[in-house]
Protein backbone atom coordinates (compact mmCIF):
# COMPACT_ATOMS: atom_id res chain seq x y z
CA MET A 1 -55.05 86.24 114.95
CA ASN A 2 -54.47 89.00 112.46
CA ILE A 3 -50.68 89.39 112.13
CA ILE A 4 -50.69 92.78 110.88
CA ALA A 5 -53.48 94.37 112.97
CA ASN A 6 -52.09 92.43 116.35
CA PRO A 7 -48.74 91.22 115.36
CA PRO A 8 -47.01 89.03 118.50
CA GLN A 9 -43.52 90.46 119.85
CA LYS A 10 -41.61 88.92 117.14
CA VAL A 11 -43.47 89.42 114.26
CA LYS A 12 -43.40 93.13 115.76
CA ALA A 13 -40.01 92.47 116.16
CA MET A 14 -39.55 91.74 112.31
CA TYR A 15 -42.00 94.46 111.10
CA ASP A 16 -39.78 97.11 113.08
CA ALA A 17 -36.36 95.72 111.89
CA VAL A 18 -37.21 95.67 108.40
CA LEU A 19 -38.17 99.46 108.15
CA SER A 20 -35.07 100.27 110.46
CA GLU A 21 -33.18 98.35 107.73
CA MET A 22 -34.53 100.59 104.75
CA ASN A 23 -34.02 103.75 106.91
CA GLU A 24 -30.30 102.64 107.33
CA GLY A 25 -30.38 102.92 103.31
CA THR A 26 -30.85 98.81 102.94
CA GLN A 27 -32.97 98.92 99.17
CA MET A 28 -35.75 96.78 99.89
CA HIS A 29 -34.98 94.08 97.36
CA SER A 30 -31.87 93.88 98.87
CA LEU A 31 -33.46 92.77 102.11
CA THR A 32 -32.85 89.16 103.42
CA VAL A 33 -34.25 87.20 106.16
CA SER A 34 -31.45 86.75 107.90
CA ALA A 35 -30.89 90.47 107.96
CA ILE A 36 -34.20 91.47 109.53
CA THR A 37 -34.48 88.43 111.91
CA LYS A 38 -30.88 89.79 113.24
CA LYS A 39 -31.56 92.73 113.72
CA ALA A 40 -35.17 91.66 115.35
CA GLY A 41 -33.09 89.62 117.44
CA ILE A 42 -34.64 86.21 117.16
CA GLY A 43 -33.56 83.18 115.15
CA LYS A 44 -33.98 82.89 111.32
CA GLY A 45 -36.35 79.64 111.65
CA THR A 46 -38.92 82.00 113.85
CA ALA A 47 -39.44 83.91 110.36
CA TYR A 48 -40.90 81.43 108.69
CA GLU A 49 -43.37 80.40 111.58
CA TYR A 50 -45.10 83.34 110.72
CA PHE A 51 -44.30 83.79 106.93
CA SER A 52 -44.01 81.90 103.92
CA SER A 53 -41.13 84.36 102.16
CA LYS A 54 -39.17 87.36 102.52
CA GLU A 55 -41.40 89.05 100.34
CA GLU A 56 -44.45 88.50 102.75
CA ILE A 57 -42.39 89.90 105.77
CA ILE A 58 -41.49 92.98 104.06
CA SER A 59 -44.97 93.51 102.75
CA HIS A 60 -46.63 92.63 105.71
CA ALA A 61 -44.22 95.08 107.52
CA LEU A 62 -45.08 97.95 105.71
CA VAL A 63 -48.96 97.86 105.66
CA TYR A 64 -48.28 97.37 109.74
CA HIS A 65 -46.31 100.61 109.97
CA ILE A 66 -48.75 102.34 106.86
CA ILE A 67 -51.98 101.36 109.48
CA ASN A 68 -50.46 102.64 112.08
CA ARG A 69 -49.53 106.52 110.12
CA ILE A 70 -52.76 106.24 109.14
CA LYS A 71 -53.96 106.11 112.66
CA GLU A 72 -52.05 109.16 113.93
CA TYR A 73 -53.05 110.81 110.23
CA ARG A 74 -56.63 110.01 111.28
CA GLY A 75 -56.85 111.82 114.67
CA GLU A 76 -55.03 115.36 113.68
CA LEU A 77 -57.12 115.54 110.19
CA GLU A 78 -60.37 115.27 112.18
CA LYS A 79 -59.02 118.70 113.85
CA VAL A 80 -59.12 120.28 110.64
CA ASP A 81 -62.19 122.34 109.36
CA GLY A 82 -62.70 122.78 105.87
CA PHE A 83 -63.20 120.50 102.68
CA GLU A 84 -59.97 122.18 100.72
CA ASN A 85 -58.23 122.06 103.80
CA LYS A 86 -58.43 118.60 104.97
CA ILE A 87 -57.06 118.22 101.31
CA GLU A 88 -54.36 120.42 101.88
CA TYR A 89 -53.61 119.05 105.44
CA SER A 90 -53.30 115.49 103.54
CA LEU A 91 -50.58 116.34 101.24
CA MET A 92 -48.65 118.43 103.23
CA TRP A 93 -48.68 115.19 105.64
CA ILE A 94 -48.09 112.55 102.75
CA MET A 95 -45.15 115.01 101.58
CA LYS A 96 -43.99 115.08 105.08
CA ASN A 97 -44.12 111.16 105.65
CA TYR A 98 -42.76 109.78 101.87
CA THR A 99 -40.27 112.58 102.07
CA GLY A 100 -38.76 112.33 105.59
CA GLU A 101 -38.28 108.62 105.73
CA ALA A 102 -35.63 106.69 103.35
CA ALA A 103 -38.33 103.66 103.94
CA ALA A 104 -41.32 105.67 102.87
CA ARG A 105 -39.33 106.91 99.35
CA GLN A 106 -38.60 103.25 98.63
CA VAL A 107 -42.72 102.38 99.51
CA LEU A 108 -43.48 105.40 96.67
CA SER A 109 -40.78 104.54 94.32
CA GLY A 110 -41.67 101.09 94.76
CA MET A 111 -45.71 101.20 93.88
CA LEU A 112 -44.90 103.67 91.00
CA SER A 113 -42.15 101.00 89.40
CA SER A 114 -42.29 98.22 86.94
CA GLY A 115 -40.37 94.91 87.22
CA ASP A 116 -40.52 91.48 88.64
CA THR A 117 -39.64 92.49 92.68
CA ALA A 118 -41.60 95.31 92.38
CA SER A 119 -44.80 93.44 91.06
CA LYS A 120 -43.79 90.62 93.41
CA MET A 121 -43.75 93.30 96.25
CA LYS A 122 -46.97 95.23 95.52
CA LYS A 123 -48.89 91.75 94.71
CA ASN A 124 -48.14 90.83 98.46
CA MET A 125 -49.14 94.26 99.76
CA MET A 126 -52.50 94.21 97.88
CA GLU A 127 -53.20 91.29 99.40
CA SER A 128 -51.76 91.49 103.13
CA GLN A 129 -53.82 94.99 103.59
CA GLY A 130 -57.51 94.07 103.96
CA CYS A 131 -57.21 95.62 107.51
CA GLY A 132 -56.23 98.27 106.33
CA MET A 133 -58.20 99.57 102.96
CA ASP A 134 -60.90 100.46 105.60
CA LYS A 135 -58.96 102.64 107.57
CA LEU A 136 -58.07 104.77 103.94
CA MET A 137 -61.54 104.46 102.87
CA ASP A 138 -62.31 106.12 106.27
CA ILE A 139 -60.27 108.24 105.62
CA ILE A 140 -61.56 109.21 102.45
CA ASN A 141 -65.23 109.59 104.09
CA ILE A 142 -64.07 111.98 106.60
CA ILE A 143 -62.76 114.48 103.65
CA ILE A 144 -66.11 113.72 101.65
CA GLU A 145 -68.45 114.06 104.91
CA GLU A 146 -66.56 117.62 105.31
CA GLY A 147 -67.36 118.60 101.64
CA LYS A 148 -71.40 117.59 101.79
CA LYS A 149 -71.34 119.84 105.09
CA GLU A 150 -69.87 122.63 103.10
CA ASP A 151 -72.36 122.28 100.00
CA TYR A 152 -68.90 122.05 98.21
CA PHE A 153 -69.89 119.37 95.34
CA ARG A 154 -71.84 120.47 92.25
CA GLU A 155 -75.48 119.05 91.98
CA ASP A 156 -74.95 117.45 88.81
CA THR A 157 -72.09 114.42 90.35
CA GLU A 158 -72.41 111.69 92.76
CA GLU A 159 -70.23 110.48 95.50
CA PHE A 160 -68.66 108.10 93.36
CA GLU A 161 -67.54 110.79 91.08
CA TRP A 162 -65.78 112.72 94.32
CA MET A 163 -64.12 110.30 95.60
CA SER A 164 -62.71 109.59 91.90
CA ALA A 165 -61.52 113.37 92.16
CA LEU A 166 -60.10 112.62 95.56
CA LEU A 167 -57.86 109.61 94.50
CA SER A 168 -57.11 110.48 91.26
CA GLN A 169 -55.65 113.88 92.48
CA VAL A 170 -53.36 112.05 95.35
CA SER A 171 -52.58 110.09 93.14
CA MET A 172 -50.92 112.56 90.69
CA PHE A 173 -49.57 114.55 93.93
CA LEU A 174 -47.41 111.03 94.55
CA LEU A 175 -46.69 110.27 91.17
CA PHE A 176 -44.90 114.41 91.48
CA LEU A 177 -43.28 114.03 94.28
CA ASN A 178 -41.60 110.63 93.02
CA HIS A 179 -40.54 112.54 89.86
CA LYS A 180 -38.89 114.81 92.48
CA LEU A 181 -37.57 112.51 94.56
CA ARG A 182 -35.67 110.51 91.48
CA GLY A 183 -34.63 113.92 89.79
CA ASP A 184 -36.81 113.25 86.85
CA TYR A 185 -37.11 116.33 85.44
CA ALA A 186 -35.68 119.56 85.68
CA ASN A 187 -39.29 121.98 85.70
CA LEU A 188 -41.32 120.58 88.35
CA PRO A 189 -43.42 122.80 89.89
CA SER A 190 -42.73 123.80 93.36
CA ASP A 191 -44.32 121.81 96.19
CA GLU A 192 -46.60 124.84 96.70
CA LYS A 193 -47.89 124.57 93.01
CA ALA A 194 -48.40 121.14 93.20
CA LYS A 195 -50.65 121.29 96.13
CA GLU A 196 -52.77 123.93 94.25
CA LEU A 197 -52.76 122.17 91.31
CA VAL A 198 -54.64 119.30 93.27
CA ILE A 199 -57.14 121.54 94.85
CA LYS A 200 -57.64 123.18 91.65
CA ASN A 201 -58.22 120.08 89.95
CA ILE A 202 -60.68 118.39 92.51
CA ARG A 203 -62.32 121.84 92.35
CA ILE A 204 -62.81 122.04 88.31
CA LEU A 205 -63.77 117.90 88.59
CA VAL A 206 -66.53 118.14 90.98
CA GLY A 207 -66.57 121.76 92.97
CA LYS A 208 -69.37 124.01 92.63
CA PRO A 209 -68.51 127.51 90.70
CA SER A 210 -69.24 129.41 93.82
CA CYS A 211 -66.44 127.16 95.74
CA GLY A 212 -62.77 128.15 96.24
């Protein structure tokens, strides 16, 4: 059984407990197996029937919740017409989810930081999200197909470049959000300006001159 895609009831209870603890303000590195299992209403020993470490519980829990969010987002994305409109909707979705929940903010900050705990969590998340990468690629393909339908892309570019442009600019947007949430810089652009820059840069990288 895939305990991310189809978790048993006790495992799902642990996944929900992780998210609940983080949304209540517990830092990811401070979570304990005891706290997770107590909130889940199960014995501590039960956790080790499914997982080998605290980091594995947390990383699986985060991937589980990310996958379910992506499923909801995919359904809404398909209703949006237009390549650049789909990108803008995606950026707004990221902002809503990553700035609206303490757990999401911790994930974003953790994925963009260094250190032993962050590195261990990133490694565990990468190893556990095999069943989620196909869903992420599905999202990217939906957006790319919209661009093809519009004849958006320049003839001298290829699909790999379209995907690279999309992923690189979304990554920069995530970095912008992280800096904003941490208050790292005083002169960051507004959210609206940051979104405009993402779309402008994708247009420059792979779009036809007539686009936009």
